[in-house]
């Protein structure tokens, strides 16, 4: 089956969110939503999420899933806000517990911060399945960028998060805690083993050199033939060396510290302090 896919691009974070609808009903899922965040003022906004809400309500869709491909380090998730307005269950990979344990230590979270993934409604494992109306979704654990990365294969569409990008851009970085270029290669091979006409939807686009427009859809066939990191002729050894050399030159994403603290809580803010205000920590010399 072929889902109807509508993309929403947030240029501030270069993030693509998706509404995925069962063509035989009005049931839908939202993948990788964005909560707008101004770091200089510490203020959040729901402009990006409200665009999705307006789209869903205009078409009278019923949202049954709010899916996260991983714990994002470059934007805040709007999943709780969307759940409040539209419903649906928030799902992420079961290895969220690894991420929570790692960054619970980085941010010196107290014992009140649960590291068991209980902030989410559903923890998916490799091989799990779910449904959006008559559409079946299959879960692939595709670590490398982070330990909890998933690819959601929904009908003839695969939502790969930050595992691979457009063919002319390659793959995502693997130098975050728990990341692995070796695992990334293995994960990509699983994605590329899908049927050649499978549509690939990425979570980001940054305009590859020589391309003056944003893009986020390709196919497995195009990726196998043209991906500049893992396409035809690439080897695991060569990829790992190239990926590690590239990652050594990269700075941290500008929103990594606020994003991780919020996203490892399923998009919720830290508990307010005694003055009723939530605070985000800025650990020094940790990343």
Protein backbone atom coordinates (compact mmCIF):
# COMPACT_ATOMS: atom_id res chain seq x y z
CA UNK A 1 0.00 0.00 0.00
CA UNK A 2 1.12 3.53 -0.70
CA UNK A 3 0.51 6.12 2.03
CA UNK A 4 -0.28 9.73 1.26
CA UNK A 5 2.71 11.72 2.56
CA UNK A 6 2.70 15.49 3.14
CA UNK A 7 5.92 17.22 4.18
CA UNK A 8 6.36 20.32 6.35
CA UNK A 9 9.82 21.91 6.20
CA UNK A 10 11.19 24.05 9.02
CA UNK A 11 14.03 26.11 7.56
CA UNK A 12 15.19 27.33 10.98
CA UNK A 13 16.29 23.79 11.89
CA UNK A 14 16.33 22.25 8.39
CA UNK A 15 13.86 19.65 9.68
CA UNK A 16 11.16 17.87 7.70
CA UNK A 17 8.04 16.68 9.52
CA UNK A 18 5.52 14.42 7.85
CA UNK A 19 1.82 13.68 7.96
CA UNK A 20 1.33 10.09 6.77
CA UNK A 21 -2.24 9.10 5.88
CA UNK A 22 -3.85 5.78 5.14
CA UNK A 23 -5.35 6.30 1.65
CA UNK A 24 -8.37 4.14 2.57
CA UNK A 25 -9.36 6.09 5.69
CA UNK A 26 -8.74 9.37 7.48
CA UNK A 27 -6.32 7.85 9.97
CA UNK A 28 -2.86 9.40 10.01
CA UNK A 29 0.49 9.60 11.79
CA UNK A 30 2.82 12.55 12.33
CA UNK A 31 6.55 11.89 12.09
CA UNK A 32 9.28 14.07 13.70
CA UNK A 33 7.41 17.23 14.66
CA UNK A 34 9.05 20.56 15.57
CA UNK A 35 8.46 22.94 18.48
CA UNK A 36 9.89 26.35 17.60
CA UNK A 37 12.53 27.55 20.05
CA UNK A 38 14.42 30.84 20.29
CA UNK A 39 17.59 30.09 22.21
CA UNK A 40 18.52 33.70 22.89
CA UNK A 41 15.26 34.38 24.75
CA UNK A 42 14.44 30.86 25.92
CA UNK A 43 10.95 31.19 24.42
CA UNK A 44 9.05 28.47 22.61
CA UNK A 45 6.42 28.84 19.92
CA UNK A 46 4.00 26.50 18.17
CA UNK A 47 3.94 28.01 14.68
CA UNK A 48 5.34 24.91 12.98
CA UNK A 49 3.08 22.52 14.89
CA UNK A 50 0.04 24.73 14.29
CA UNK A 51 0.56 24.41 10.53
CA UNK A 52 0.28 20.66 10.89
CA UNK A 53 -2.75 20.95 13.17
CA UNK A 54 -4.53 23.20 10.67
CA UNK A 55 -3.75 20.76 7.85
CA UNK A 56 -5.01 17.76 9.82
CA UNK A 57 -8.18 19.49 11.02
CA UNK A 58 -9.05 20.88 7.59
CA UNK A 59 -9.01 17.35 6.19
CA UNK A 60 -10.62 15.81 9.27
CA UNK A 61 -7.82 13.30 9.75
CA UNK A 62 -7.64 11.18 12.90
CA UNK A 63 -4.09 11.11 14.26
CA UNK A 64 -3.29 7.72 15.78
CA UNK A 65 0.52 7.95 16.08
CA UNK A 66 3.10 10.63 16.84
CA UNK A 67 6.33 8.96 15.77
CA UNK A 68 9.88 9.97 16.63
CA UNK A 69 12.68 8.44 14.58
CA UNK A 70 15.16 9.22 17.39
CA UNK A 71 16.01 11.68 20.16
CA UNK A 72 16.75 14.73 18.03
CA UNK A 73 19.73 16.93 18.87
CA UNK A 74 18.85 19.82 16.56
CA UNK A 75 15.23 20.68 17.34
CA UNK A 76 12.65 20.28 20.07
CA UNK A 77 9.77 17.87 19.56
CA UNK A 78 6.20 19.18 19.54
CA UNK A 79 4.73 15.73 20.23
CA UNK A 80 3.05 16.59 23.59
CA UNK A 81 1.43 19.70 22.12
CA UNK A 82 0.19 17.77 19.09
CA UNK A 83 -1.08 14.99 21.33
CA UNK A 84 -3.04 17.52 23.39
CA UNK A 85 -4.63 19.02 20.26
CA UNK A 86 -5.01 15.97 18.02
CA UNK A 87 -4.55 12.81 20.08
CA UNK A 88 -2.40 9.85 19.12
CA UNK A 89 0.26 7.82 20.92
CA UNK A 90 3.90 8.95 21.09
CA UNK A 91 6.31 6.25 19.92
CA UNK A 92 10.10 5.95 19.82
CA UNK A 93 12.75 3.22 19.82
CA UNK A 94 13.19 1.08 22.94
CA UNK A 95 16.84 2.13 23.13
CA UNK A 96 15.63 5.52 24.34
CA UNK A 97 16.61 4.11 27.73
CA UNK A 98 20.26 4.08 26.63
CA UNK A 99 20.01 7.73 25.58
CA UNK A 100 18.24 8.67 28.80
CA UNK A 101 20.91 6.98 30.88
CA UNK A 102 23.74 8.65 28.94
CA UNK A 103 22.34 12.16 29.00
CA UNK A 104 20.75 11.82 32.41
CA UNK A 105 24.37 11.71 33.60
CA UNK A 106 25.49 14.58 31.34
CA UNK A 107 22.74 16.82 32.75
CA UNK A 108 23.07 15.43 36.28
CA UNK A 109 19.37 14.61 36.39
CA UNK A 110 18.08 13.52 39.76
CA UNK A 111 16.32 10.31 40.62
CA UNK A 112 12.98 11.88 39.70
CA UNK A 113 13.99 11.64 36.04
CA UNK A 114 12.89 8.19 34.94
CA UNK A 115 15.30 6.41 32.62
CA UNK A 116 12.92 3.63 31.57
CA UNK A 117 11.25 5.32 28.59
CA UNK A 118 7.99 5.66 30.51
CA UNK A 119 7.54 9.24 29.24
CA UNK A 120 6.57 7.69 25.87
CA UNK A 121 3.40 5.74 25.08
CA UNK A 122 5.11 3.10 22.95
CA UNK A 123 8.68 1.79 22.84
CA UNK A 124 9.33 0.04 19.53
CA UNK A 125 11.80 -2.78 19.01
CA UNK A 126 13.27 -4.11 15.79
CA UNK A 127 10.65 -6.18 13.98
CA UNK A 128 7.64 -4.62 15.71
CA UNK A 129 4.67 -3.51 13.64
CA UNK A 130 1.81 -1.05 14.04
CA UNK A 131 -1.12 0.18 11.98
CA UNK A 132 -2.40 3.48 10.65
CA UNK A 133 -5.88 2.40 9.61
CA UNK A 134 -5.27 -0.33 7.04
CA UNK A 135 -1.65 0.70 6.57
CA UNK A 136 0.92 -1.52 8.25
CA UNK A 137 4.08 0.02 9.61
CA UNK A 138 7.18 -2.08 10.27
CA UNK A 139 9.96 -1.03 12.61
CA UNK A 140 13.65 -1.31 11.76
CA UNK A 141 16.26 -0.51 14.40
CA UNK A 142 18.85 1.48 12.46
CA UNK A 143 21.47 2.75 14.96
CA UNK A 144 24.64 4.61 14.09
CA UNK A 145 23.61 8.24 14.40
CA UNK A 146 22.23 7.45 17.87
CA UNK A 147 21.58 4.14 19.67
CA UNK A 148 17.81 4.61 19.48
CA UNK A 149 17.38 5.45 15.79
CA UNK A 150 14.51 3.76 13.98
CA UNK A 151 13.33 3.56 10.41
CA UNK A 152 9.55 3.31 10.02
CA UNK A 153 8.61 1.40 6.85
CA UNK A 154 4.98 2.31 6.20
CA UNK A 155 3.65 0.74 3.04
CA UNK A 156 6.04 1.70 0.24
CA UNK A 157 7.55 4.59 2.23
CA UNK A 158 10.47 4.54 4.68
CA UNK A 159 11.02 7.33 7.19
CA UNK A 160 14.72 7.09 7.94
CA UNK A 161 15.29 9.96 10.36
CA UNK A 162 18.95 11.01 10.32
CA UNK A 163 20.38 7.74 9.03
CA UNK A 164 20.75 8.85 5.42
CA UNK A 165 20.09 12.11 3.63
CA UNK A 166 19.56 12.94 -0.04
CA UNK A 167 21.90 10.99 -2.33
CA UNK A 168 24.02 14.09 -3.06
CA UNK A 169 24.51 14.76 0.70
CA UNK A 170 25.24 11.28 2.00
CA UNK A 171 24.72 10.22 5.61
CA UNK A 172 24.37 11.69 9.10
CA UNK A 173 27.14 12.16 11.65
CA UNK A 174 28.02 9.32 13.99
CA UNK A 175 30.07 11.08 16.69
CA UNK A 176 27.37 11.66 19.33
CA UNK A 177 27.60 9.53 22.49
CA UNK A 178 26.54 6.02 21.50
CA UNK A 179 27.00 6.72 17.79
CA UNK A 180 28.96 4.41 15.53
CA UNK A 181 30.04 4.67 11.90
CA UNK A 182 30.27 0.87 11.73
CA UNK A 183 26.69 0.52 12.94
CA UNK A 184 25.60 3.26 10.56
CA UNK A 185 26.97 1.31 7.60
CA UNK A 186 25.14 -1.84 8.70
CA UNK A 187 21.90 0.11 9.23
CA UNK A 188 22.10 1.71 5.81
CA UNK A 189 22.57 -1.70 4.20
CA UNK A 190 19.30 -2.83 5.78
CA UNK A 191 17.53 0.21 4.35
CA UNK A 192 19.07 -0.33 0.93
CA UNK A 193 17.86 -3.94 0.97
CA UNK A 194 14.26 -2.70 0.75
CA UNK A 195 12.59 -2.82 -2.70
CA UNK A 196 14.16 -0.34 -5.11
CA UNK A 197 10.97 1.69 -5.55
CA UNK A 198 10.57 2.25 -1.79
CA UNK A 199 10.25 5.97 -1.15
CA UNK A 200 12.88 7.32 1.27
CA UNK A 201 11.89 10.31 3.41
CA UNK A 202 14.65 12.04 5.38
CA UNK A 203 14.37 14.15 8.53
CA UNK A 204 16.66 16.94 7.29
CA UNK A 205 18.09 18.61 4.24
CA UNK A 206 20.89 21.16 4.10
CA UNK A 207 21.21 21.69 0.32
CA UNK A 208 24.19 19.79 -1.00
CA UNK A 209 26.88 21.80 -2.78
CA UNK A 210 25.61 22.80 -6.20
CA UNK A 211 21.92 22.36 -5.30
CA UNK A 212 19.93 25.54 -4.66
CA UNK A 213 16.72 23.95 -3.36
CA UNK A 214 15.69 21.77 -0.43
CA UNK A 215 14.74 18.14 -1.05
CA UNK A 216 13.81 15.22 1.18
CA UNK A 217 12.39 12.41 -0.97
CA UNK A 218 14.29 9.81 -2.97
CA UNK A 219 14.04 6.05 -3.54
CA UNK A 220 16.08 3.08 -2.44
CA UNK A 221 17.17 2.65 -6.04
CA UNK A 222 18.44 6.22 -6.25
CA UNK A 223 20.25 5.89 -2.94
CA UNK A 224 21.97 2.66 -4.01
CA UNK A 225 23.10 4.17 -7.27
CA UNK A 226 23.99 7.73 -6.27
CA UNK A 227 24.50 8.22 -2.52
CA UNK A 228 27.90 9.87 -2.23
CA UNK A 229 28.76 7.98 0.98
CA UNK A 230 27.18 4.57 0.62
CA UNK A 231 26.19 4.25 -3.05
CA UNK A 232 27.58 2.03 -5.78
CA UNK A 233 31.18 1.00 -5.16
CA UNK A 234 31.30 2.09 -1.51
CA UNK A 235 32.87 -0.23 1.06
CA UNK A 236 32.37 -0.41 4.80
CA UNK A 237 36.03 0.32 5.49
CA UNK A 238 36.03 3.33 3.19
CA UNK A 239 32.78 4.65 4.58
CA UNK A 240 33.89 4.38 8.21
CA UNK A 241 37.15 6.21 7.48
CA UNK A 242 35.36 8.95 5.54
CA UNK A 243 32.59 9.36 8.10
CA UNK A 244 34.96 9.55 11.06
CA UNK A 245 37.21 12.07 9.30
CA UNK A 246 34.23 14.25 8.45
CA UNK A 247 32.76 14.03 11.94
CA UNK A 248 36.04 15.17 13.48
CA UNK A 249 35.57 18.55 11.76
CA UNK A 250 31.97 19.17 12.91
CA UNK A 251 30.87 21.40 15.76
CA UNK A 252 27.92 20.53 17.97
CA UNK A 253 24.41 21.43 16.71
CA UNK A 254 23.41 24.80 18.13
CA UNK A 255 20.31 23.41 19.83
CA UNK A 256 21.78 20.15 21.11
CA UNK A 257 21.64 21.06 24.82
CA UNK A 258 18.01 22.23 24.97
CA UNK A 259 16.88 19.59 22.46
CA UNK A 260 18.24 16.60 24.33
CA UNK A 261 16.85 17.69 27.69
CA UNK A 262 13.37 18.08 26.21
CA UNK A 263 13.33 15.24 23.69
CA UNK A 264 14.55 12.55 26.09
CA UNK A 265 11.40 13.46 28.07
CA UNK A 266 9.16 12.84 25.03
CA UNK A 267 8.99 16.58 24.33
CA UNK A 268 8.07 17.59 27.89
CA UNK A 269 9.96 20.34 29.70
CA UNK A 270 11.84 19.59 32.93
CA UNK A 271 9.68 19.79 36.04
CA UNK A 272 9.09 23.41 37.12
CA UNK A 273 11.04 24.59 40.13
CA UNK A 274 9.43 26.14 43.21
CA UNK A 275 8.82 29.41 41.35
CA UNK A 276 6.78 27.61 38.68
CA UNK A 277 9.43 28.03 35.95
CA UNK A 278 11.09 25.22 33.99
CA UNK A 279 14.85 25.51 33.48
CA UNK A 280 17.27 23.95 31.00
CA UNK A 281 20.83 23.23 32.09
CA UNK A 282 24.00 24.27 30.29
CA UNK A 283 26.68 21.74 31.28
CA UNK A 284 30.18 23.10 30.71
CA UNK A 285 32.89 21.18 28.85
CA UNK A 286 30.83 17.99 28.55
CA UNK A 287 30.18 17.60 24.82
